[in-house]
Amino acid sequence: MWYNMPRGAKMVNDFGLGNISARGREIYNKLKEQLEIKHKGEYVAIDVDSEEYFIDSDNLKAVTMAKEKFPNKIFYLAKIGSDSVFEMHSFSPFKLAV
């Protein structure tokens, strides 16, 4: 299997797949207090390269907003204010050629 990617598309962030989770957690921890004031219980999708983030009460919508700005990136996703570990990584929706 392989993916049909647009020419010049970048599939992973500058940090590499292995470091996205750690970098995302680091950025989230910097923003945690600020985010919990108004957005506790919502989801935040973070682009670890730019440190831009997108918030919505629906995790898919938060990732969709992030994808609209950064269509070929992978994001760190967390539930704001949650003590449980919740991480999700998202790839761009490339057509799968079988």
N, C-alpha and C. Protein backbone atom coordinates (compact mmCIF):
# COMPACT_ATOMS: atom_id res chain seq x y z
N MET A 1 0.84 -1.18 0.00
CA MET A 1 0.00 0.00 0.00
C MET A 1 0.88 1.25 0.00
N TRP A 2 0.38 2.30 -0.62
CA TRP A 2 1.05 3.58 -0.59
C TRP A 2 0.01 4.68 -0.73
N TYR A 3 0.39 5.89 -0.39
CA TYR A 3 -0.54 7.01 -0.42
C TYR A 3 -0.25 7.90 -1.62
N ASN A 4 -1.29 8.37 -2.30
CA ASN A 4 -1.14 9.38 -3.34
C ASN A 4 -1.10 10.73 -2.66
N MET A 5 0.08 11.31 -2.57
CA MET A 5 0.23 12.62 -1.94
C MET A 5 0.43 13.68 -3.00
N PRO A 6 -0.13 14.85 -2.80
CA PRO A 6 0.10 15.94 -3.74
C PRO A 6 1.60 16.25 -3.83
N ARG A 7 2.04 16.64 -5.00
CA ARG A 7 3.46 16.97 -5.18
C ARG A 7 3.88 18.05 -4.18
N GLY A 8 4.97 17.83 -3.51
CA GLY A 8 5.47 18.79 -2.53
C GLY A 8 4.78 18.74 -1.17
N ALA A 9 3.84 17.82 -1.00
CA ALA A 9 3.13 17.72 0.28
C ALA A 9 4.08 17.25 1.36
N LYS A 10 3.87 17.76 2.54
CA LYS A 10 4.68 17.41 3.69
C LYS A 10 3.80 16.60 4.63
N MET A 11 4.13 15.34 4.85
CA MET A 11 3.24 14.47 5.61
C MET A 11 3.44 14.58 7.11
N VAL A 12 4.64 14.87 7.56
CA VAL A 12 4.87 14.97 9.00
C VAL A 12 5.41 16.35 9.35
N ASN A 13 5.31 16.68 10.60
CA ASN A 13 5.78 17.96 11.09
C ASN A 13 7.30 17.97 11.15
N ASP A 14 7.86 19.16 11.32
CA ASP A 14 9.31 19.31 11.39
C ASP A 14 9.92 18.53 12.55
N PHE A 15 9.15 18.25 13.58
CA PHE A 15 9.66 17.56 14.74
C PHE A 15 9.76 16.05 14.53
N GLY A 16 9.14 15.53 13.51
CA GLY A 16 9.16 14.09 13.27
C GLY A 16 8.09 13.41 14.09
N LEU A 17 7.66 12.29 13.58
CA LEU A 17 6.55 11.57 14.18
C LEU A 17 6.79 11.20 15.64
N GLY A 18 7.99 10.78 15.97
CA GLY A 18 8.28 10.33 17.32
C GLY A 18 8.25 11.41 18.38
N ASN A 19 8.42 12.66 17.98
CA ASN A 19 8.50 13.74 18.96
C ASN A 19 7.24 14.60 19.05
N ILE A 20 6.27 14.34 18.18
CA ILE A 20 5.06 15.17 18.18
C ILE A 20 4.31 15.08 19.50
N SER A 21 4.19 13.89 20.04
CA SER A 21 3.48 13.72 21.30
C SER A 21 4.17 14.48 22.44
N ALA A 22 5.48 14.32 22.55
CA ALA A 22 6.21 15.00 23.62
C ALA A 22 6.16 16.51 23.46
N ARG A 23 6.33 16.98 22.23
CA ARG A 23 6.30 18.43 21.97
C ARG A 23 4.89 18.98 22.20
N GLY A 24 3.87 18.24 21.77
CA GLY A 24 2.49 18.66 21.98
C GLY A 24 2.15 18.77 23.45
N ARG A 25 2.59 17.79 24.23
CA ARG A 25 2.36 17.81 25.67
C ARG A 25 3.04 19.02 26.31
N GLU A 26 4.24 19.33 25.84
CA GLU A 26 4.99 20.48 26.36
C GLU A 26 4.25 21.79 26.07
N ILE A 27 3.76 21.95 24.86
CA ILE A 27 3.01 23.16 24.49
C ILE A 27 1.71 23.23 25.29
N TYR A 28 0.99 22.09 25.37
CA TYR A 28 -0.27 22.06 26.13
C TYR A 28 -0.03 22.48 27.58
N ASN A 29 1.02 21.98 28.20
CA ASN A 29 1.29 22.32 29.60
C ASN A 29 1.56 23.81 29.78
N LYS A 30 2.14 24.47 28.77
CA LYS A 30 2.35 25.92 28.85
C LYS A 30 1.02 26.67 28.78
N LEU A 31 0.07 26.12 28.02
CA LEU A 31 -1.22 26.79 27.80
C LEU A 31 -2.30 26.35 28.78
N LYS A 32 -2.04 25.29 29.53
CA LYS A 32 -3.06 24.61 30.33
C LYS A 32 -3.90 25.54 31.21
N GLU A 33 -3.27 26.35 32.03
CA GLU A 33 -4.03 27.23 32.93
C GLU A 33 -4.92 28.19 32.16
N GLN A 34 -4.37 28.78 31.11
CA GLN A 34 -5.11 29.74 30.29
C GLN A 34 -6.31 29.05 29.61
N LEU A 35 -6.11 27.85 29.09
CA LEU A 35 -7.18 27.15 28.39
C LEU A 35 -8.28 26.67 29.33
N GLU A 36 -7.91 26.22 30.52
CA GLU A 36 -8.89 25.66 31.45
C GLU A 36 -9.89 26.70 31.96
N ILE A 37 -9.52 27.97 31.93
CA ILE A 37 -10.42 29.03 32.42
C ILE A 37 -11.71 29.08 31.58
N LYS A 38 -11.58 29.03 30.25
CA LYS A 38 -12.75 29.19 29.38
C LYS A 38 -13.14 27.93 28.62
N HIS A 39 -12.24 26.94 28.55
CA HIS A 39 -12.48 25.82 27.63
C HIS A 39 -12.40 24.44 28.28
N LYS A 40 -12.53 24.35 29.59
CA LYS A 40 -12.43 23.06 30.26
C LYS A 40 -13.47 22.09 29.69
N GLY A 41 -13.02 20.88 29.36
CA GLY A 41 -13.90 19.86 28.80
C GLY A 41 -13.94 19.85 27.28
N GLU A 42 -13.38 20.89 26.66
CA GLU A 42 -13.32 20.95 25.20
C GLU A 42 -12.00 20.31 24.73
N TYR A 43 -11.82 20.26 23.43
CA TYR A 43 -10.61 19.65 22.85
C TYR A 43 -9.76 20.72 22.19
N VAL A 44 -8.45 20.52 22.27
CA VAL A 44 -7.50 21.41 21.62
C VAL A 44 -6.61 20.58 20.70
N ALA A 45 -6.51 21.02 19.44
CA ALA A 45 -5.61 20.43 18.45
C ALA A 45 -4.45 21.40 18.29
N ILE A 46 -3.23 20.92 18.50
CA ILE A 46 -2.05 21.78 18.49
C ILE A 46 -1.12 21.38 17.35
N ASP A 47 -0.72 22.38 16.55
CA ASP A 47 0.33 22.18 15.56
C ASP A 47 1.65 22.44 16.28
N VAL A 48 2.47 21.42 16.42
CA VAL A 48 3.67 21.54 17.24
C VAL A 48 4.76 22.38 16.59
N ASP A 49 4.68 22.61 15.28
CA ASP A 49 5.68 23.46 14.61
C ASP A 49 5.42 24.94 14.91
N SER A 50 4.19 25.38 14.68
CA SER A 50 3.86 26.81 14.84
C SER A 50 3.37 27.15 16.24
N GLU A 51 2.97 26.13 17.00
CA GLU A 51 2.35 26.26 18.32
C GLU A 51 0.95 26.89 18.25
N GLU A 52 0.37 26.96 17.05
CA GLU A 52 -1.00 27.42 16.91
C GLU A 52 -1.93 26.30 17.36
N TYR A 53 -3.07 26.69 17.92
CA TYR A 53 -4.00 25.68 18.41
C TYR A 53 -5.43 26.04 18.03
N PHE A 54 -6.28 25.00 18.03
CA PHE A 54 -7.66 25.11 17.58
C PHE A 54 -8.54 24.40 18.60
N ILE A 55 -9.60 25.05 19.04
CA ILE A 55 -10.43 24.53 20.14
C ILE A 55 -11.86 24.33 19.67
N ASP A 56 -12.45 23.22 20.08
CA ASP A 56 -13.86 22.96 19.84
C ASP A 56 -14.34 21.93 20.86
N SER A 57 -15.66 21.89 21.08
CA SER A 57 -16.21 20.90 22.01
C SER A 57 -16.21 19.50 21.40
N ASP A 58 -16.03 19.43 20.08
CA ASP A 58 -15.97 18.15 19.37
C ASP A 58 -14.54 17.94 18.88
N ASN A 59 -13.94 16.80 19.23
CA ASN A 59 -12.53 16.58 18.87
C ASN A 59 -12.30 16.56 17.37
N LEU A 60 -13.23 16.02 16.61
CA LEU A 60 -13.09 15.98 15.15
C LEU A 60 -13.14 17.39 14.56
N LYS A 61 -13.98 18.24 15.11
CA LYS A 61 -14.07 19.62 14.62
C LYS A 61 -12.78 20.40 14.93
N ALA A 62 -12.19 20.16 16.09
CA ALA A 62 -10.93 20.82 16.43
C ALA A 62 -9.84 20.42 15.43
N VAL A 63 -9.77 19.14 15.10
CA VAL A 63 -8.78 18.67 14.12
C VAL A 63 -9.11 19.21 12.73
N THR A 64 -10.39 19.25 12.38
CA THR A 64 -10.79 19.76 11.07
C THR A 64 -10.39 21.22 10.90
N MET A 65 -10.56 22.03 11.94
CA MET A 65 -10.14 23.43 11.88
C MET A 65 -8.63 23.52 11.68
N ALA A 66 -7.89 22.68 12.39
CA ALA A 66 -6.44 22.67 12.25
C ALA A 66 -6.04 22.26 10.84
N LYS A 67 -6.73 21.26 10.29
CA LYS A 67 -6.45 20.77 8.94
C LYS A 67 -6.75 21.82 7.87
N GLU A 68 -7.74 22.68 8.13
CA GLU A 68 -8.05 23.73 7.16
C GLU A 68 -6.87 24.69 7.00
N LYS A 69 -6.17 24.94 8.09
CA LYS A 69 -5.01 25.84 8.02
C LYS A 69 -3.73 25.09 7.66
N PHE A 70 -3.58 23.87 8.16
CA PHE A 70 -2.38 23.07 7.92
C PHE A 70 -2.80 21.71 7.37
N PRO A 71 -3.14 21.62 6.08
CA PRO A 71 -3.74 20.39 5.55
C PRO A 71 -2.86 19.15 5.56
N ASN A 72 -1.56 19.29 5.62
CA ASN A 72 -0.69 18.12 5.55
C ASN A 72 0.07 17.85 6.85
N LYS A 73 -0.45 18.34 7.94
CA LYS A 73 0.23 18.20 9.22
C LYS A 73 -0.39 17.13 10.10
N ILE A 74 0.35 16.77 11.13
CA ILE A 74 -0.10 15.86 12.17
C ILE A 74 -0.23 16.71 13.43
N PHE A 75 -1.28 16.49 14.22
CA PHE A 75 -1.56 17.34 15.37
C PHE A 75 -1.57 16.56 16.68
N TYR A 76 -1.28 17.29 17.73
CA TYR A 76 -1.44 16.78 19.09
C TYR A 76 -2.84 17.18 19.52
N LEU A 77 -3.62 16.25 20.03
CA LEU A 77 -4.99 16.52 20.45
C LEU A 77 -5.14 16.15 21.91
N ALA A 78 -5.73 17.06 22.69
CA ALA A 78 -5.93 16.80 24.12
C ALA A 78 -7.30 17.31 24.55
N LYS A 79 -7.86 16.68 25.57
CA LYS A 79 -9.09 17.17 26.19
C LYS A 79 -8.67 18.11 27.31
N ILE A 80 -9.10 19.34 27.21
CA ILE A 80 -8.67 20.38 28.14
C ILE A 80 -9.20 20.11 29.54
N GLY A 81 -8.27 20.09 30.51
CA GLY A 81 -8.64 19.88 31.91
C GLY A 81 -8.80 18.44 32.31
N SER A 82 -8.56 17.53 31.40
CA SER A 82 -8.72 16.12 31.71
C SER A 82 -7.46 15.57 32.38
N ASP A 83 -7.66 14.79 33.42
CA ASP A 83 -6.53 14.15 34.09
C ASP A 83 -6.09 12.89 33.35
N SER A 84 -6.98 12.35 32.56
CA SER A 84 -6.62 11.13 31.84
C SER A 84 -5.77 11.48 30.63
N VAL A 85 -4.98 10.53 30.20
CA VAL A 85 -4.14 10.73 29.03
C VAL A 85 -5.00 10.53 27.80
N PHE A 86 -5.02 11.53 26.93
CA PHE A 86 -5.76 11.44 25.68
C PHE A 86 -4.91 12.05 24.60
N GLU A 87 -4.39 11.23 23.73
CA GLU A 87 -3.59 11.72 22.63
C GLU A 87 -4.09 11.09 21.35
N MET A 88 -4.18 11.90 20.31
CA MET A 88 -4.62 11.41 19.02
C MET A 88 -3.82 12.14 17.97
N HIS A 89 -3.35 11.42 17.00
CA HIS A 89 -2.58 12.02 15.93
C HIS A 89 -3.36 11.89 14.64
N SER A 90 -3.34 12.90 13.84
CA SER A 90 -4.16 12.92 12.63
C SER A 90 -3.30 13.12 11.40
N PHE A 91 -3.54 12.31 10.40
CA PHE A 91 -2.87 12.45 9.11
C PHE A 91 -3.83 13.11 8.13
N SER A 92 -3.27 13.73 7.12
CA SER A 92 -4.11 14.29 6.05
C SER A 92 -4.82 13.17 5.34
N PRO A 93 -6.02 13.42 4.88
CA PRO A 93 -6.81 12.36 4.22
C PRO A 93 -6.35 12.14 2.78
N PHE A 94 -5.30 11.35 2.58
CA PHE A 94 -4.84 11.03 1.24
C PHE A 94 -5.60 9.83 0.73
N LYS A 95 -5.80 9.76 -0.58
CA LYS A 95 -6.47 8.60 -1.17
C LYS A 95 -5.51 7.42 -1.11
N LEU A 96 -6.03 6.32 -0.67
CA LEU A 96 -5.23 5.11 -0.55
C LEU A 96 -5.28 4.35 -1.86
N ALA A 97 -4.12 4.11 -2.44
CA ALA A 97 -4.06 3.34 -3.69
C ALA A 97 -3.75 1.90 -3.34
N VAL A 98 -4.63 1.00 -3.72
CA VAL A 98 -4.44 -0.41 -3.39
C VAL A 98 -4.17 -1.18 -4.65
